[in-house]
Amino acid sequence: MIGTWIFLLSIGVLVWAWMDALNAREHAIRHGQALCREAGVQLLDQTVSLKRLRIGRRDGLPTLLRRYAFEVSLDGSDRHRGHLDLGGHRLEAWSLPLADNAAKPARPSHLRLVE
């Protein structure tokens, strides 16, 4: 009887883990599309792929930290790599190239450009 309960519990945990992974991937796709739209680049293949999965602490609680990689194009004929990091389902960090026509981030006024 206990063996049956352990088996059912393990199946439930596997289903939960699978659904959580799918949900995180959907969040990553939405974040990737938004980041690419803001940067003025095109998300290629309209998808992301999981590159790294680890356990970390956020707000004192253990959470899954995932890194998703994707490819972008600046002008439609090139490919560049980008990535985004999710802590749980929250976007924490990202890296992607900026297009020339993208809004440049404002430089703080106390910094000078030295030439």
PDB file of N, CA and C in Angstrom:
ATOM      1  N   MET A   1       0.816  -1.194   0.000  1.00  0.00           N
ATOM      2  CA  MET A   1       0.000   0.000   0.000  1.00  0.00           C
ATOM      3  C   MET A   1       0.868   1.270   0.000  1.00  0.00           C
ATOM      4  N   ILE A   2       1.912   1.285   0.840  1.00  0.00           N
ATOM      5  CA  ILE A   2       2.792   2.453   0.895  1.00  0.00           C
ATOM      6  C   ILE A   2       3.561   2.584  -0.410  1.00  0.00           C
ATOM      7  N   GLY A   3       3.956   1.465  -0.998  1.00  0.00           N
ATOM      8  CA  GLY A   3       4.655   1.503  -2.279  1.00  0.00           C
ATOM      9  C   GLY A   3       3.811   2.163  -3.362  1.00  0.00           C
ATOM     10  N   THR A   4       2.516   1.905  -3.350  1.00  0.00           N
ATOM     11  CA  THR A   4       1.610   2.526  -4.321  1.00  0.00           C
ATOM     12  C   THR A   4       1.559   4.029  -4.120  1.00  0.00           C
ATOM     13  N   TRP A   5       1.478   4.473  -2.859  1.00  0.00           N
ATOM     14  CA  TRP A   5       1.437   5.907  -2.577  1.00  0.00           C
ATOM     15  C   TRP A   5       2.734   6.599  -2.989  1.00  0.00           C
ATOM     16  N   ILE A   6       3.845   5.963  -2.738  1.00  0.00           N
ATOM     17  CA  ILE A   6       5.133   6.539  -3.140  1.00  0.00           C
ATOM     18  C   ILE A   6       5.226   6.637  -4.662  1.00  0.00           C
ATOM     19  N   PHE A   7       4.751   5.608  -5.349  1.00  0.00           N
ATOM     20  CA  PHE A   7       4.743   5.621  -6.814  1.00  0.00           C
ATOM     21  C   PHE A   7       3.865   6.756  -7.337  1.00  0.00           C
ATOM     22  N   LEU A   8       2.662   6.907  -6.790  1.00  0.00           N
ATOM     23  CA  LEU A   8       1.749   7.967  -7.231  1.00  0.00           C
ATOM     24  C   LEU A   8       2.309   9.352  -6.907  1.00  0.00           C
ATOM     25  N   LEU A   9       2.935   9.485  -5.756  1.00  0.00           N
ATOM     26  CA  LEU A   9       3.541  10.760  -5.383  1.00  0.00           C
ATOM     27  C   LEU A   9       4.685  11.119  -6.328  1.00  0.00           C
ATOM     28  N   SER A  10       5.504  10.145  -6.661  1.00  0.00           N
ATOM     29  CA  SER A  10       6.622  10.423  -7.580  1.00  0.00           C
ATOM     30  C   SER A  10       6.108  10.789  -8.966  1.00  0.00           C
ATOM     31  N   ILE A  11       5.036  10.164  -9.420  1.00  0.00           N
ATOM     32  CA  ILE A  11       4.442  10.538 -10.719  1.00  0.00           C
ATOM     33  C   ILE A  11       3.904  11.964 -10.644  1.00  0.00           C
ATOM     34  N   GLY A  12       3.265  12.312  -9.533  1.00  0.00           N
ATOM     35  CA  GLY A  12       2.764  13.676  -9.362  1.00  0.00           C
ATOM     36  C   GLY A  12       3.878  14.706  -9.375  1.00  0.00           C
ATOM     37  N   VAL A  13       4.990  14.404  -8.724  1.00  0.00           N
ATOM     38  CA  VAL A  13       6.131  15.321  -8.708  1.00  0.00           C
ATOM     39  C   VAL A  13       6.710  15.471 -10.113  1.00  0.00           C
ATOM     40  N   LEU A  14       6.804  14.392 -10.858  1.00  0.00           N
ATOM     41  CA  LEU A  14       7.315  14.469 -12.233  1.00  0.00           C
ATOM     42  C   LEU A  14       6.404  15.317 -13.119  1.00  0.00           C
ATOM     43  N   VAL A  15       5.100  15.145 -12.992  1.00  0.00           N
ATOM     44  CA  VAL A  15       4.150  15.940 -13.782  1.00  0.00           C
ATOM     45  C   VAL A  15       4.273  17.409 -13.403  1.00  0.00           C
ATOM     46  N   TRP A  16       4.375  17.698 -12.093  1.00  0.00           N
ATOM     47  CA  TRP A  16       4.528  19.084 -11.656  1.00  0.00           C
ATOM     48  C   TRP A  16       5.812  19.699 -12.224  1.00  0.00           C
ATOM     49  N   ALA A  17       6.910  18.965 -12.176  1.00  0.00           N
ATOM     50  CA  ALA A  17       8.191  19.473 -12.691  1.00  0.00           C
ATOM     51  C   ALA A  17       8.108  19.740 -14.190  1.00  0.00           C
ATOM     52  N   TRP A  18       7.446  18.854 -14.922  1.00  0.00           N
ATOM     53  CA  TRP A  18       7.296  19.035 -16.371  1.00  0.00           C
ATOM     54  C   TRP A  18       6.464  20.279 -16.671  1.00  0.00           C
ATOM     55  N   MET A  19       5.349  20.453 -15.959  1.00  0.00           N
ATOM     56  CA  MET A  19       4.484  21.613 -16.178  1.00  0.00           C
ATOM     57  C   MET A  19       5.197  22.914 -15.789  1.00  0.00           C
ATOM     58  N   ASP A  20       5.993  22.890 -14.721  1.00  0.00           N
ATOM     59  CA  ASP A  20       6.740  24.070 -14.315  1.00  0.00           C
ATOM     60  C   ASP A  20       7.782  24.439 -15.363  1.00  0.00           C
ATOM     61  N   ALA A  21       8.433  23.441 -15.948  1.00  0.00           N
ATOM     62  CA  ALA A  21       9.431  23.698 -16.996  1.00  0.00           C
ATOM     63  C   ALA A  21       8.772  24.308 -18.229  1.00  0.00           C
ATOM     64  N   LEU A  22       7.602  23.803 -18.609  1.00  0.00           N
ATOM     65  CA  LEU A  22       6.891  24.370 -19.760  1.00  0.00           C
ATOM     66  C   LEU A  22       6.445  25.802 -19.488  1.00  0.00           C
ATOM     67  N   ASN A  23       5.968  26.049 -18.285  1.00  0.00           N
ATOM     68  CA  ASN A  23       5.524  27.390 -17.912  1.00  0.00           C
ATOM     69  C   ASN A  23       6.700  28.367 -17.909  1.00  0.00           C
ATOM     70  N   ALA A  24       7.847  27.951 -17.385  1.00  0.00           N
ATOM     71  CA  ALA A  24       9.036  28.804 -17.379  1.00  0.00           C
ATOM     72  C   ALA A  24       9.500  29.101 -18.804  1.00  0.00           C
ATOM     73  N   ARG A  25       9.412  28.116 -19.673  1.00  0.00           N
ATOM     74  CA  ARG A  25       9.819  28.322 -21.074  1.00  0.00           C
ATOM     75  C   ARG A  25       8.900  29.335 -21.751  1.00  0.00           C
ATOM     76  N   GLU A  26       7.606  29.263 -21.476  1.00  0.00           N
ATOM     77  CA  GLU A  26       6.670  30.236 -22.042  1.00  0.00           C
ATOM     78  C   GLU A  26       6.980  31.645 -21.536  1.00  0.00           C
ATOM     79  N   HIS A  27       7.313  31.772 -20.259  1.00  0.00           N
ATOM     80  CA  HIS A  27       7.719  33.074 -19.724  1.00  0.00           C
ATOM     81  C   HIS A  27       8.980  33.567 -20.423  1.00  0.00           C
ATOM     82  N   ALA A  28       9.940  32.677 -20.640  1.00  0.00           N
ATOM     83  CA  ALA A  28      11.190  33.059 -21.303  1.00  0.00           C
ATOM     84  C   ALA A  28      10.934  33.516 -22.737  1.00  0.00           C
ATOM     85  N   ILE A  29      10.041  32.854 -23.445  1.00  0.00           N
ATOM     86  CA  ILE A  29       9.725  33.262 -24.818  1.00  0.00           C
ATOM     87  C   ILE A  29       9.110  34.654 -24.810  1.00  0.00           C
ATOM     88  N   ARG A  30       8.167  34.902 -23.909  1.00  0.00           N
ATOM     89  CA  ARG A  30       7.532  36.226 -23.839  1.00  0.00           C
ATOM     90  C   ARG A  30       8.548  37.306 -23.467  1.00  0.00           C
ATOM     91  N   HIS A  31       9.408  37.020 -22.492  1.00  0.00           N
ATOM     92  CA  HIS A  31      10.445  37.992 -22.118  1.00  0.00           C
ATOM     93  C   HIS A  31      11.406  38.224 -23.279  1.00  0.00           C
ATOM     94  N   GLY A  32      11.796  37.159 -23.980  1.00  0.00           N
ATOM     95  CA  GLY A  32      12.701  37.298 -25.123  1.00  0.00           C
ATOM     96  C   GLY A  32      12.100  38.132 -26.234  1.00  0.00           C
ATOM     97  N   GLN A  33      10.824  37.929 -26.531  1.00  0.00           N
ATOM     98  CA  GLN A  33      10.159  38.725 -27.561  1.00  0.00           C
ATOM     99  C   GLN A  33      10.096  40.195 -27.170  1.00  0.00           C
ATOM    100  N   ALA A  34       9.775  40.460 -25.902  1.00  0.00           N
ATOM    101  CA  ALA A  34       9.704  41.846 -25.442  1.00  0.00           C
ATOM    102  C   ALA A  34      11.075  42.514 -25.466  1.00  0.00           C
ATOM    103  N   LEU A  35      12.108  41.805 -25.024  1.00  0.00           N
ATOM    104  CA  LEU A  35      13.458  42.371 -25.038  1.00  0.00           C
ATOM    105  C   LEU A  35      13.915  42.679 -26.456  1.00  0.00           C
ATOM    106  N   CYS A  36      13.647  41.765 -27.383  1.00  0.00           N
ATOM    107  CA  CYS A  36      14.046  41.976 -28.773  1.00  0.00           C
ATOM    108  C   CYS A  36      13.290  43.152 -29.385  1.00  0.00           C
ATOM    109  N   ARG A  37      12.011  43.274 -29.071  1.00  0.00           N
ATOM    110  CA  ARG A  37      11.216  44.386 -29.586  1.00  0.00           C
ATOM    111  C   ARG A  37      11.785  45.712 -29.067  1.00  0.00           C
ATOM    112  N   GLU A  38      12.129  45.774 -27.773  1.00  0.00           N
ATOM    113  CA  GLU A  38      12.688  47.001 -27.204  1.00  0.00           C
ATOM    114  C   GLU A  38      14.076  47.316 -27.754  1.00  0.00           C
ATOM    115  N   ALA A  39      14.864  46.288 -28.056  1.00  0.00           N
ATOM    116  CA  ALA A  39      16.225  46.501 -28.561  1.00  0.00           C
ATOM    117  C   ALA A  39      16.251  46.742 -30.070  1.00  0.00           C
ATOM    118  N   GLY A  40      15.143  46.519 -30.746  1.00  0.00           N
ATOM    119  CA  GLY A  40      15.097  46.735 -32.187  1.00  0.00           C
ATOM    120  C   GLY A  40      15.748  45.629 -32.985  1.00  0.00           C
ATOM    121  N   VAL A  41      15.737  44.409 -32.461  1.00  0.00           N
ATOM    122  CA  VAL A  41      16.291  43.257 -33.171  1.00  0.00           C
ATOM    123  C   VAL A  41      15.191  42.224 -33.370  1.00  0.00           C
ATOM    124  N   GLN A  42      15.456  41.270 -34.242  1.00  0.00           N
ATOM    125  CA  GLN A  42      14.474  40.236 -34.566  1.00  0.00           C
ATOM    126  C   GLN A  42      14.853  38.933 -33.866  1.00  0.00           C
ATOM    127  N   LEU A  43      13.906  38.373 -33.121  1.00  0.00           N
ATOM    128  CA  LEU A  43      14.113  37.068 -32.487  1.00  0.00           C
ATOM    129  C   LEU A  43      13.973  36.004 -33.560  1.00  0.00           C
ATOM    130  N   LEU A  44      15.035  35.245 -33.790  1.00  0.00           N
ATOM    131  CA  LEU A  44      15.021  34.223 -34.821  1.00  0.00           C
ATOM    132  C   LEU A  44      14.401  32.942 -34.290  1.00  0.00           C
ATOM    133  N   ASP A  45      13.712  32.228 -35.125  1.00  0.00           N
ATOM    134  CA  ASP A  45      13.083  30.946 -34.828  1.00  0.00           C
ATOM    135  C   ASP A  45      11.980  31.060 -33.778  1.00  0.00           C
ATOM    136  N   GLN A  46      11.729  32.269 -33.264  1.00  0.00           N
ATOM    137  CA  GLN A  46      10.655  32.532 -32.294  1.00  0.00           C
ATOM    138  C   GLN A  46      10.686  31.597 -31.092  1.00  0.00           C
ATOM    139  N   THR A  47      11.874  31.208 -30.658  1.00  0.00           N
ATOM    140  CA  THR A  47      11.961  30.277 -29.534  1.00  0.00           C
ATOM    141  C   THR A  47      13.238  30.490 -28.741  1.00  0.00           C
ATOM    142  N   VAL A  48      13.293  29.881 -27.586  1.00  0.00           N
ATOM    143  CA  VAL A  48      14.455  29.905 -26.707  1.00  0.00           C
ATOM    144  C   VAL A  48      14.791  28.470 -26.335  1.00  0.00           C
ATOM    145  N   SER A  49      16.018  28.252 -25.871  1.00  0.00           N
ATOM    146  CA  SER A  49      16.396  26.903 -25.441  1.00  0.00           C
ATOM    147  C   SER A  49      17.098  26.986 -24.086  1.00  0.00           C
ATOM    148  N   LEU A  50      16.786  26.035 -23.222  1.00  0.00           N
ATOM    149  CA  LEU A  50      17.364  25.995 -21.884  1.00  0.00           C
ATOM    150  C   LEU A  50      18.833  25.608 -21.987  1.00  0.00           C
ATOM    151  N   LYS A  51      19.706  26.432 -21.409  1.00  0.00           N
ATOM    152  CA  LYS A  51      21.139  26.160 -21.442  1.00  0.00           C
ATOM    153  C   LYS A  51      21.700  25.793 -20.081  1.00  0.00           C
ATOM    154  N   ARG A  52      21.106  26.320 -19.016  1.00  0.00           N
ATOM    155  CA  ARG A  52      21.633  26.041 -17.680  1.00  0.00           C
ATOM    156  C   ARG A  52      20.489  26.037 -16.677  1.00  0.00           C
ATOM    157  N   LEU A  53      20.553  25.112 -15.741  1.00  0.00           N
ATOM    158  CA  LEU A  53      19.555  24.995 -14.684  1.00  0.00           C
ATOM    159  C   LEU A  53      20.291  24.730 -13.381  1.00  0.00           C
ATOM    160  N   ARG A  54      20.022  25.559 -12.387  1.00  0.00           N
ATOM    161  CA  ARG A  54      20.655  25.354 -11.092  1.00  0.00           C
ATOM    162  C   ARG A  54      19.730  25.860 -10.000  1.00  0.00           C
ATOM    163  N   ILE A  55      20.053  25.511  -8.778  1.00  0.00           N
ATOM    164  CA  ILE A  55      19.265  25.955  -7.634  1.00  0.00           C
ATOM    165  C   ILE A  55      20.009  27.086  -6.954  1.00  0.00           C
ATOM    166  N   GLY A  56      19.295  28.152  -6.655  1.00  0.00           N
ATOM    167  CA  GLY A  56      19.875  29.301  -5.971  1.00  0.00           C
ATOM    168  C   GLY A  56      18.886  29.851  -4.959  1.00  0.00           C
ATOM    169  N   ARG A  57      19.291  30.891  -4.260  1.00  0.00           N
ATOM    170  CA  ARG A  57      18.412  31.514  -3.268  1.00  0.00           C
ATOM    171  C   ARG A  57      17.940  32.868  -3.768  1.00  0.00           C
ATOM    172  N   ARG A  58      16.657  33.096  -3.679  1.00  0.00           N
ATOM    173  CA  ARG A  58      16.054  34.391  -3.976  1.00  0.00           C
ATOM    174  C   ARG A  58      15.116  34.712  -2.828  1.00  0.00           C
ATOM    175  N   ASP A  59      15.318  35.849  -2.214  1.00  0.00           N
ATOM    176  CA  ASP A  59      14.512  36.278  -1.065  1.00  0.00           C
ATOM    177  C   ASP A  59      14.559  35.254   0.062  1.00  0.00           C
ATOM    178  N   GLY A  60      15.698  34.596   0.227  1.00  0.00           N
ATOM    179  CA  GLY A  60      15.883  33.632   1.297  1.00  0.00           C
ATOM    180  C   GLY A  60      15.304  32.258   1.041  1.00  0.00           C
ATOM    181  N   LEU A  61      14.689  32.051  -0.111  1.00  0.00           N
ATOM    182  CA  LEU A  61      14.076  30.767  -0.435  1.00  0.00           C
ATOM    183  C   LEU A  61      14.793  30.117  -1.614  1.00  0.00           C
ATOM    184  N   PRO A  62      14.892  28.797  -1.606  1.00  0.00           N
ATOM    185  CA  PRO A  62      15.507  28.135  -2.760  1.00  0.00           C
ATOM    186  C   PRO A  62      14.589  28.246  -3.977  1.00  0.00           C
ATOM    187  N   THR A  63      15.182  28.526  -5.119  1.00  0.00           N
ATOM    188  CA  THR A  63      14.421  28.632  -6.365  1.00  0.00           C
ATOM    189  C   THR A  63      15.274  28.132  -7.521  1.00  0.00           C
ATOM    190  N   LEU A  64      14.626  27.775  -8.604  1.00  0.00           N
ATOM    191  CA  LEU A  64      15.340  27.326  -9.796  1.00  0.00           C
ATOM    192  C   LEU A  64      15.791  28.533 -10.600  1.00  0.00           C
ATOM    193  N   LEU A  65      17.063  28.561 -10.947  1.00  0.00           N
ATOM    194  CA  LEU A  65      17.630  29.605 -11.790  1.00  0.00           C
ATOM    195  C   LEU A  65      17.889  28.983 -13.156  1.00  0.00           C
ATOM    196  N   ARG A  66      17.277  29.562 -14.168  1.00  0.00           N
ATOM    197  CA  ARG A  66      17.378  29.014 -15.523  1.00  0.00           C
ATOM    198  C   ARG A  66      17.991  30.050 -16.449  1.00  0.00           C
ATOM    199  N   ARG A  67      18.854  29.594 -17.351  1.00  0.00           N
ATOM    200  CA  ARG A  67      19.381  30.454 -18.413  1.00  0.00           C
ATOM    201  C   ARG A  67      18.875  29.910 -19.741  1.00  0.00           C
ATOM    202  N   TYR A  68      18.241  30.783 -20.511  1.00  0.00           N
ATOM    203  CA  TYR A  68      17.742  30.435 -21.827  1.00  0.00           C
ATOM    204  C   TYR A  68      18.547  31.183 -22.874  1.00  0.00           C
ATOM    205  N   ALA A  69      18.934  30.501 -23.931  1.00  0.00           N
ATOM    206  CA  ALA A  69      19.682  31.106 -25.032  1.00  0.00           C
ATOM    207  C   ALA A  69      18.758  31.231 -26.237  1.00  0.00           C
ATOM    208  N   PHE A  70      19.048  32.207 -27.073  1.00  0.00           N
ATOM    209  CA  PHE A  70      18.287  32.414 -28.300  1.00  0.00           C
ATOM    210  C   PHE A  70      19.168  33.160 -29.288  1.00  0.00           C
ATOM    211  N   GLU A  71      18.710  33.249 -30.517  1.00  0.00           N
ATOM    212  CA  GLU A  71      19.470  33.958 -31.544  1.00  0.00           C
ATOM    213  C   GLU A  71      18.630  35.099 -32.084  1.00  0.00           C
ATOM    214  N   VAL A  72      19.320  36.198 -32.393  1.00  0.00           N
ATOM    215  CA  VAL A  72      18.659  37.383 -32.916  1.00  0.00           C
ATOM    216  C   VAL A  72      19.361  37.832 -34.189  1.00  0.00           C
ATOM    217  N   SER A  73      18.669  38.646 -34.951  1.00  0.00           N
ATOM    218  CA  SER A  73      19.235  39.221 -36.165  1.00  0.00           C
ATOM    219  C   SER A  73      19.093  40.731 -36.097  1.00  0.00           C
ATOM    220  N   LEU A  74      20.156  41.430 -36.468  1.00  0.00           N
ATOM    221  CA  LEU A  74      20.118  42.889 -36.483  1.00  0.00           C
ATOM    222  C   LEU A  74      19.491  43.424 -37.763  1.00  0.00           C
ATOM    223  N   ASP A  75      19.780  42.767 -38.892  1.00  0.00           N
ATOM    224  CA  ASP A  75      19.281  43.271 -40.171  1.00  0.00           C
ATOM    225  C   ASP A  75      18.604  42.201 -41.028  1.00  0.00           C
ATOM    226  N   GLY A  76      18.379  41.032 -40.503  1.00  0.00           N
ATOM    227  CA  GLY A  76      17.703  39.973 -41.248  1.00  0.00           C
ATOM    228  C   GLY A  76      18.641  39.016 -41.953  1.00  0.00           C
ATOM    229  N   SER A  77      19.934  39.349 -42.034  1.00  0.00           N
ATOM    230  CA  SER A  77      20.861  38.465 -42.741  1.00  0.00           C
ATOM    231  C   SER A  77      22.010  37.986 -41.847  1.00  0.00           C
ATOM    232  N   ASP A  78      21.936  38.267 -40.564  1.00  0.00           N
ATOM    233  CA  ASP A  78      22.990  37.841 -39.653  1.00  0.00           C
ATOM    234  C   ASP A  78      22.378  37.147 -38.439  1.00  0.00           C
ATOM    235  N   ARG A  79      23.232  36.504 -37.672  1.00  0.00           N
ATOM    236  CA  ARG A  79      22.793  35.821 -36.457  1.00  0.00           C
ATOM    237  C   ARG A  79      23.719  36.194 -35.309  1.00  0.00           C
ATOM    238  N   HIS A  80      23.120  36.552 -34.195  1.00  0.00           N
ATOM    239  CA  HIS A  80      23.866  36.855 -32.984  1.00  0.00           C
ATOM    240  C   HIS A  80      23.197  36.124 -31.827  1.00  0.00           C
ATOM    241  N   ARG A  81      24.007  35.783 -30.832  1.00  0.00           N
ATOM    242  CA  ARG A  81      23.470  35.061 -29.677  1.00  0.00           C
ATOM    243  C   ARG A  81      23.041  36.036 -28.592  1.00  0.00           C
ATOM    244  N   GLY A  82      22.030  35.624 -27.876  1.00  0.00           N
ATOM    245  CA  GLY A  82      21.570  36.361 -26.712  1.00  0.00           C
ATOM    246  C   GLY A  82      21.150  35.364 -25.649  1.00  0.00           C
ATOM    247  N   HIS A  83      20.966  35.836 -24.448  1.00  0.00           N
ATOM    248  CA  HIS A  83      20.463  34.957 -23.402  1.00  0.00           C
ATOM    249  C   HIS A  83      19.680  35.770 -22.385  1.00  0.00           C
ATOM    250  N   LEU A  84      18.861  35.080 -21.623  1.00  0.00           N
ATOM    251  CA  LEU A  84      18.159  35.698 -20.513  1.00  0.00           C
ATOM    252  C   LEU A  84      18.139  34.728 -19.350  1.00  0.00           C
ATOM    253  N   ASP A  85      18.156  35.276 -18.152  1.00  0.00           N
ATOM    254  CA  ASP A  85      18.172  34.485 -16.924  1.00  0.00           C
ATOM    255  C   ASP A  85      16.866  34.698 -16.173  1.00  0.00           C
ATOM    256  N   LEU A  86      16.248  33.601 -15.778  1.00  0.00           N
ATOM    257  CA  LEU A  86      15.026  33.651 -14.980  1.00  0.00           C
ATOM    258  C   LEU A  86      15.305  33.091 -13.597  1.00  0.00           C
ATOM    259  N   GLY A  87      14.833  33.787 -12.581  1.00  0.00           N
ATOM    260  CA  GLY A  87      14.837  33.293 -11.208  1.00  0.00           C
ATOM    261  C   GLY A  87      13.405  32.969 -10.859  1.00  0.00           C
ATOM    262  N   GLY A  88      13.054  31.696 -10.859  1.00  0.00           N
ATOM    263  CA  GLY A  88      11.642  31.321 -10.796  1.00  0.00           C
ATOM    264  C   GLY A  88      11.050  31.651 -12.152  1.00  0.00           C
ATOM    265  N   HIS A  89      10.107  32.592 -12.189  1.00  0.00           N
ATOM    266  CA  HIS A  89       9.561  33.066 -13.459  1.00  0.00           C
ATOM    267  C   HIS A  89       9.835  34.549 -13.651  1.00  0.00           C
ATOM    268  N   ARG A  90      10.742  35.096 -12.841  1.00  0.00           N
ATOM    269  CA  ARG A  90      11.070  36.519 -12.891  1.00  0.00           C
ATOM    270  C   ARG A  90      12.336  36.736 -13.715  1.00  0.00           C
ATOM    271  N   LEU A  91      12.284  37.669 -14.634  1.00  0.00           N
ATOM    272  CA  LEU A  91      13.446  38.024 -15.448  1.00  0.00           C
ATOM    273  C   LEU A  91      14.468  38.722 -14.559  1.00  0.00           C
ATOM    274  N   GLU A  92      15.703  38.192 -14.539  1.00  0.00           N
ATOM    275  CA  GLU A  92      16.738  38.763 -13.684  1.00  0.00           C
ATOM    276  C   GLU A  92      17.864  39.420 -14.458  1.00  0.00           C
ATOM    277  N   ALA A  93      18.251  38.853 -15.602  1.00  0.00           N
ATOM    278  CA  ALA A  93      19.347  39.422 -16.384  1.00  0.00           C
ATOM    279  C   ALA A  93      19.182  38.992 -17.836  1.00  0.00           C
ATOM    280  N   TRP A  94      19.795  39.748 -18.740  1.00  0.00           N
ATOM    281  CA  TRP A  94      19.753  39.391 -20.148  1.00  0.00           C
ATOM    282  C   TRP A  94      20.946  40.011 -20.857  1.00  0.00           C
ATOM    283  N   SER A  95      21.220  39.466 -22.041  1.00  0.00           N
ATOM    284  CA  SER A  95      22.294  39.984 -22.879  1.00  0.00           C
ATOM    285  C   SER A  95      21.902  39.795 -24.332  1.00  0.00           C
ATOM    286  N   LEU A  96      21.914  40.874 -25.100  1.00  0.00           N
ATOM    287  CA  LEU A  96      21.667  40.792 -26.530  1.00  0.00           C
ATOM    288  C   LEU A  96      22.215  42.033 -27.210  1.00  0.00           C
ATOM    289  N   PRO A  97      22.541  41.927 -28.498  1.00  0.00           N
ATOM    290  CA  PRO A  97      23.079  43.082 -29.215  1.00  0.00           C
ATOM    291  C   PRO A  97      21.973  44.093 -29.489  1.00  0.00           C
ATOM    292  N   LEU A  98      22.352  45.356 -29.585  1.00  0.00           N
ATOM    293  CA  LEU A  98      21.390  46.410 -29.892  1.00  0.00           C
ATOM    294  C   LEU A  98      21.494  46.801 -31.355  1.00  0.00           C
ATOM    295  N   ALA A  99      20.363  47.050 -31.969  1.00  0.00           N
ATOM    296  CA  ALA A  99      20.344  47.556 -33.342  1.00  0.00           C
ATOM    297  C   ALA A  99      20.698  49.037 -33.321  1.00  0.00           C
ATOM    298  N   ASP A 100      21.149  49.573 -34.460  1.00  0.00           N
ATOM    299  CA  ASP A 100      21.521  50.986 -34.536  1.00  0.00           C
ATOM    300  C   ASP A 100      20.328  51.902 -34.299  1.00  0.00           C
ATOM    301  N   ASN A 101      19.130  51.443 -34.704  1.00  0.00           N
ATOM    302  CA  ASN A 101      17.952  52.291 -34.572  1.00  0.00           C
ATOM    303  C   ASN A 101      17.255  52.135 -33.225  1.00  0.00           C
ATOM    304  N   ALA A 102      17.814  51.333 -32.326  1.00  0.00           N
ATOM    305  CA  ALA A 102      17.212  51.141 -31.008  1.00  0.00           C
ATOM    306  C   ALA A 102      17.493  52.356 -30.140  1.00  0.00           C
ATOM    307  N   ALA A 103      16.623  52.585 -29.206  1.00  0.00           N
ATOM    308  CA  ALA A 103      16.812  53.704 -28.282  1.00  0.00           C
ATOM    309  C   ALA A 103      18.036  53.414 -27.421  1.00  0.00           C
ATOM    310  N   LYS A 104      18.976  54.325 -27.451  1.00  0.00           N
ATOM    311  CA  LYS A 104      20.187  54.157 -26.657  1.00  0.00           C
ATOM    312  C   LYS A 104      19.867  54.497 -25.200  1.00  0.00           C
ATOM    313  N   PRO A 105      20.400  53.725 -24.253  1.00  0.00           N
ATOM    314  CA  PRO A 105      20.173  54.073 -22.857  1.00  0.00           C
ATOM    315  C   PRO A 105      20.848  55.393 -22.526  1.00  0.00           C
ATOM    316  N   ALA A 106      20.185  56.203 -21.737  1.00  0.00           N
ATOM    317  CA  ALA A 106      20.733  57.506 -21.387  1.00  0.00           C
ATOM    318  C   ALA A 106      21.958  57.333 -20.496  1.00  0.00           C
ATOM    319  N   ARG A 107      23.007  58.088 -20.797  1.00  0.00           N
ATOM    320  CA  ARG A 107      24.210  58.051 -19.990  1.00  0.00           C
ATOM    321  C   ARG A 107      24.014  59.011 -18.823  1.00  0.00           C
ATOM    322  N   PRO A 108      24.325  58.593 -17.613  1.00  0.00           N
ATOM    323  CA  PRO A 108      24.198  59.509 -16.477  1.00  0.00           C
ATOM    324  C   PRO A 108      25.006  60.774 -16.716  1.00  0.00           C
ATOM    325  N   SER A 109      24.462  61.914 -16.274  1.00  0.00           N
ATOM    326  CA  SER A 109      25.099  63.200 -16.561  1.00  0.00           C
ATOM    327  C   SER A 109      26.445  63.365 -15.870  1.00  0.00           C
ATOM    328  N   HIS A 110      26.714  62.618 -14.803  1.00  0.00           N
ATOM    329  CA  HIS A 110      27.984  62.774 -14.107  1.00  0.00           C
ATOM    330  C   HIS A 110      29.127  62.004 -14.783  1.00  0.00           C
ATOM    331  N   LEU A 111      28.821  61.226 -15.847  1.00  0.00           N
ATOM    332  CA  LEU A 111      29.864  60.515 -16.570  1.00  0.00           C
ATOM    333  C   LEU A 111      30.215  61.269 -17.839  1.00  0.00           C
ATOM    334  N   ARG A 112      31.495  61.385 -18.120  1.00  0.00           N
ATOM    335  CA  ARG A 112      31.934  62.037 -19.338  1.00  0.00           C
ATOM    336  C   ARG A 112      32.541  61.022 -20.261  1.00  0.00           C
ATOM    337  N   LEU A 113      32.372  61.218 -21.541  1.00  0.00           N
ATOM    338  CA  LEU A 113      32.995  60.368 -22.547  1.00  0.00           C
ATOM    339  C   LEU A 113      34.376  60.919 -22.813  1.00  0.00           C
ATOM    340  N   VAL A 114      35.400  60.139 -22.564  1.00  0.00           N
ATOM    341  CA  VAL A 114      36.784  60.566 -22.766  1.00  0.00           C
ATOM    342  C   VAL A 114      37.245  60.049 -24.106  1.00  0.00           C
ATOM    343  N   GLU A 115      37.739  60.968 -24.927  1.00  0.00           N
ATOM    344  CA  GLU A 115      38.203  60.574 -26.260  1.00  0.00           C
ATOM    345  C   GLU A 115      39.684  60.711 -26.386  1.00  0.00           C
TER     346      GLU A 115
END
